[in-house]
């Protein structure tokens, strides 16, 4: 009985870890910073929070500036400051 409860708890913990970092964002793409330190961000339409996209070249997002996109992303590094955007890795662009 104890082994069954342990297995169920472990299974629930493992399933929760896989989707906790995924977020859906709906917003516009911008290039921020000054050359040579530029980076691509998406500004969420609902919260107006910026998220830095670390794999923008894979989806050619630099050429989609000011376009309204819906993306699914994984949080790579959560920001501790409101001045620094949270880093995300894009999984899917709609």
C-alpha atoms as a PDB file:
ATOM      1  CA  UNK A   1       0.000   0.000   0.000  1.00  0.00           C
ATOM      2  CA  UNK A   2       2.809   2.416   0.874  1.00  0.00           C
ATOM      3  CA  UNK A   3       4.539   1.627  -2.399  1.00  0.00           C
ATOM      4  CA  UNK A   4       1.365   2.392  -4.359  1.00  0.00           C
ATOM      5  CA  UNK A   5       0.940   5.761  -2.648  1.00  0.00           C
ATOM      6  CA  UNK A   6       4.628   6.569  -3.194  1.00  0.00           C
ATOM      7  CA  UNK A   7       4.358   5.681  -6.899  1.00  0.00           C
ATOM      8  CA  UNK A   8       1.246   7.810  -7.343  1.00  0.00           C
ATOM      9  CA  UNK A   9       2.843  10.808  -5.620  1.00  0.00           C
ATOM     10  CA  UNK A  10       5.990  10.482  -7.702  1.00  0.00           C
ATOM     11  CA  UNK A  11       3.918  10.251 -10.886  1.00  0.00           C
ATOM     12  CA  UNK A  12       1.968  13.393 -10.025  1.00  0.00           C
ATOM     13  CA  UNK A  13       5.134  15.317  -9.248  1.00  0.00           C
ATOM     14  CA  UNK A  14       6.753  14.267 -12.526  1.00  0.00           C
ATOM     15  CA  UNK A  15       3.724  15.192 -14.623  1.00  0.00           C
ATOM     16  CA  UNK A  16       3.526  18.627 -13.000  1.00  0.00           C
ATOM     17  CA  UNK A  17       7.140  19.448 -13.790  1.00  0.00           C
ATOM     18  CA  UNK A  18       6.825  19.020 -17.534  1.00  0.00           C
ATOM     19  CA  UNK A  19       4.202  21.710 -18.210  1.00  0.00           C
ATOM     20  CA  UNK A  20       4.975  24.229 -15.457  1.00  0.00           C
ATOM     21  CA  UNK A  21       7.427  26.186 -17.611  1.00  0.00           C
ATOM     22  CA  UNK A  22       5.260  26.486 -20.727  1.00  0.00           C
ATOM     23  CA  UNK A  23       3.350  29.696 -21.375  1.00  0.00           C
ATOM     24  CA  UNK A  24       1.190  31.027 -24.193  1.00  0.00           C
ATOM     25  CA  UNK A  25       1.836  34.631 -25.186  1.00  0.00           C
ATOM     26  CA  UNK A  26      -0.160  36.876 -27.475  1.00  0.00           C
ATOM     27  CA  UNK A  27       1.611  40.084 -28.472  1.00  0.00           C
ATOM     28  CA  UNK A  28       3.917  42.036 -30.756  1.00  0.00           C
ATOM     29  CA  UNK A  29       7.574  41.390 -31.577  1.00  0.00           C
ATOM     30  CA  UNK A  30      10.127  44.170 -31.028  1.00  0.00           C
ATOM     31  CA  UNK A  31      13.907  44.581 -31.278  1.00  0.00           C
ATOM     32  CA  UNK A  32      15.307  46.270 -28.160  1.00  0.00           C
ATOM     33  CA  UNK A  33      18.726  47.502 -27.130  1.00  0.00           C
ATOM     34  CA  UNK A  34      21.412  49.287 -29.080  1.00  0.00           C
ATOM     35  CA  UNK A  35      23.853  47.795 -31.557  1.00  0.00           C
ATOM     36  CA  UNK A  36      25.688  45.416 -31.041  1.00  0.00           C
ATOM     37  CA  UNK A  37      23.650  44.464 -27.935  1.00  0.00           C
ATOM     38  CA  UNK A  38      20.196  44.038 -29.474  1.00  0.00           C
ATOM     39  CA  UNK A  39      17.709  41.339 -28.563  1.00  0.00           C
ATOM     40  CA  UNK A  40      14.236  40.262 -29.675  1.00  0.00           C
ATOM     41  CA  UNK A  41      11.288  40.558 -27.265  1.00  0.00           C
ATOM     42  CA  UNK A  42       7.584  39.868 -27.360  1.00  0.00           C
ATOM     43  CA  UNK A  43       5.359  42.275 -25.444  1.00  0.00           C
ATOM     44  CA  UNK A  44       2.365  40.447 -24.021  1.00  0.00           C
ATOM     45  CA  UNK A  45      -0.898  42.191 -25.002  1.00  0.00           C
ATOM     46  CA  UNK A  46      -2.588  41.431 -21.676  1.00  0.00           C
ATOM     47  CA  UNK A  47       0.122  42.249 -19.116  1.00  0.00           C
ATOM     48  CA  UNK A  48       2.396  44.505 -21.245  1.00  0.00           C
ATOM     49  CA  UNK A  49       5.356  42.533 -19.886  1.00  0.00           C
ATOM     50  CA  UNK A  50       8.375  41.949 -22.140  1.00  0.00           C
ATOM     51  CA  UNK A  51       9.884  38.488 -22.647  1.00  0.00           C
ATOM     52  CA  UNK A  52      13.320  38.104 -24.264  1.00  0.00           C
ATOM     53  CA  UNK A  53      13.364  35.391 -26.932  1.00  0.00           C
ATOM     54  CA  UNK A  54      16.624  33.431 -26.873  1.00  0.00           C
ATOM     55  CA  UNK A  55      16.010  31.381 -30.048  1.00  0.00           C
ATOM     56  CA  UNK A  56      14.557  34.101 -32.290  1.00  0.00           C
ATOM     57  CA  UNK A  57      16.733  33.082 -35.262  1.00  0.00           C
ATOM     58  CA  UNK A  58      15.110  29.639 -35.474  1.00  0.00           C
ATOM     59  CA  UNK A  59      11.728  31.205 -36.267  1.00  0.00           C
ATOM     60  CA  UNK A  60      13.053  34.271 -38.169  1.00  0.00           C
ATOM     61  CA  UNK A  61      11.328  36.594 -35.703  1.00  0.00           C
ATOM     62  CA  UNK A  62      13.582  39.572 -36.432  1.00  0.00           C
ATOM     63  CA  UNK A  63      11.728  40.068 -39.719  1.00  0.00           C
ATOM     64  CA  UNK A  64       8.339  39.926 -37.985  1.00  0.00           C
ATOM     65  CA  UNK A  65       8.744  43.165 -36.043  1.00  0.00           C
ATOM     66  CA  UNK A  66       5.500  44.869 -34.944  1.00  0.00           C
ATOM     67  CA  UNK A  67       3.467  41.861 -36.098  1.00  0.00           C
ATOM     68  CA  UNK A  68       0.887  40.438 -33.726  1.00  0.00           C
ATOM     69  CA  UNK A  69       1.803  36.789 -32.983  1.00  0.00           C
ATOM     70  CA  UNK A  70       0.585  34.021 -30.715  1.00  0.00           C
ATOM     71  CA  UNK A  71       3.451  31.851 -29.442  1.00  0.00           C
ATOM     72  CA  UNK A  72       3.971  28.922 -27.109  1.00  0.00           C
ATOM     73  CA  UNK A  73       7.208  29.196 -25.155  1.00  0.00           C
ATOM     74  CA  UNK A  74       9.194  27.670 -22.332  1.00  0.00           C
ATOM     75  CA  UNK A  75      10.647  29.858 -19.570  1.00  0.00           C
ATOM     76  CA  UNK A  76      14.434  29.565 -19.563  1.00  0.00           C
ATOM     77  CA  UNK A  77      15.282  32.101 -16.849  1.00  0.00           C
ATOM     78  CA  UNK A  78      12.788  33.988 -14.693  1.00  0.00           C
ATOM     79  CA  UNK A  79      13.643  37.662 -14.193  1.00  0.00           C
ATOM     80  CA  UNK A  80      14.065  38.971 -10.649  1.00  0.00           C
ATOM     81  CA  UNK A  81      13.985  42.606 -11.744  1.00  0.00           C
ATOM     82  CA  UNK A  82      11.267  44.521 -13.607  1.00  0.00           C
ATOM     83  CA  UNK A  83      14.003  46.133 -15.718  1.00  0.00           C
ATOM     84  CA  UNK A  84      15.300  42.830 -17.127  1.00  0.00           C
ATOM     85  CA  UNK A  85      12.931  40.725 -19.254  1.00  0.00           C
ATOM     86  CA  UNK A  86      12.300  37.050 -18.533  1.00  0.00           C
ATOM     87  CA  UNK A  87      14.129  34.817 -21.026  1.00  0.00           C
ATOM     88  CA  UNK A  88      12.007  32.362 -23.015  1.00  0.00           C
ATOM     89  CA  UNK A  89      12.573  29.740 -25.692  1.00  0.00           C
ATOM     90  CA  UNK A  90       9.901  29.666 -28.391  1.00  0.00           C
ATOM     91  CA  UNK A  91       8.405  26.239 -29.066  1.00  0.00           C
ATOM     92  CA  UNK A  92       5.691  27.144 -31.580  1.00  0.00           C
ATOM     93  CA  UNK A  93       4.583  30.238 -33.529  1.00  0.00           C
ATOM     94  CA  UNK A  94       0.957  30.545 -34.649  1.00  0.00           C
END
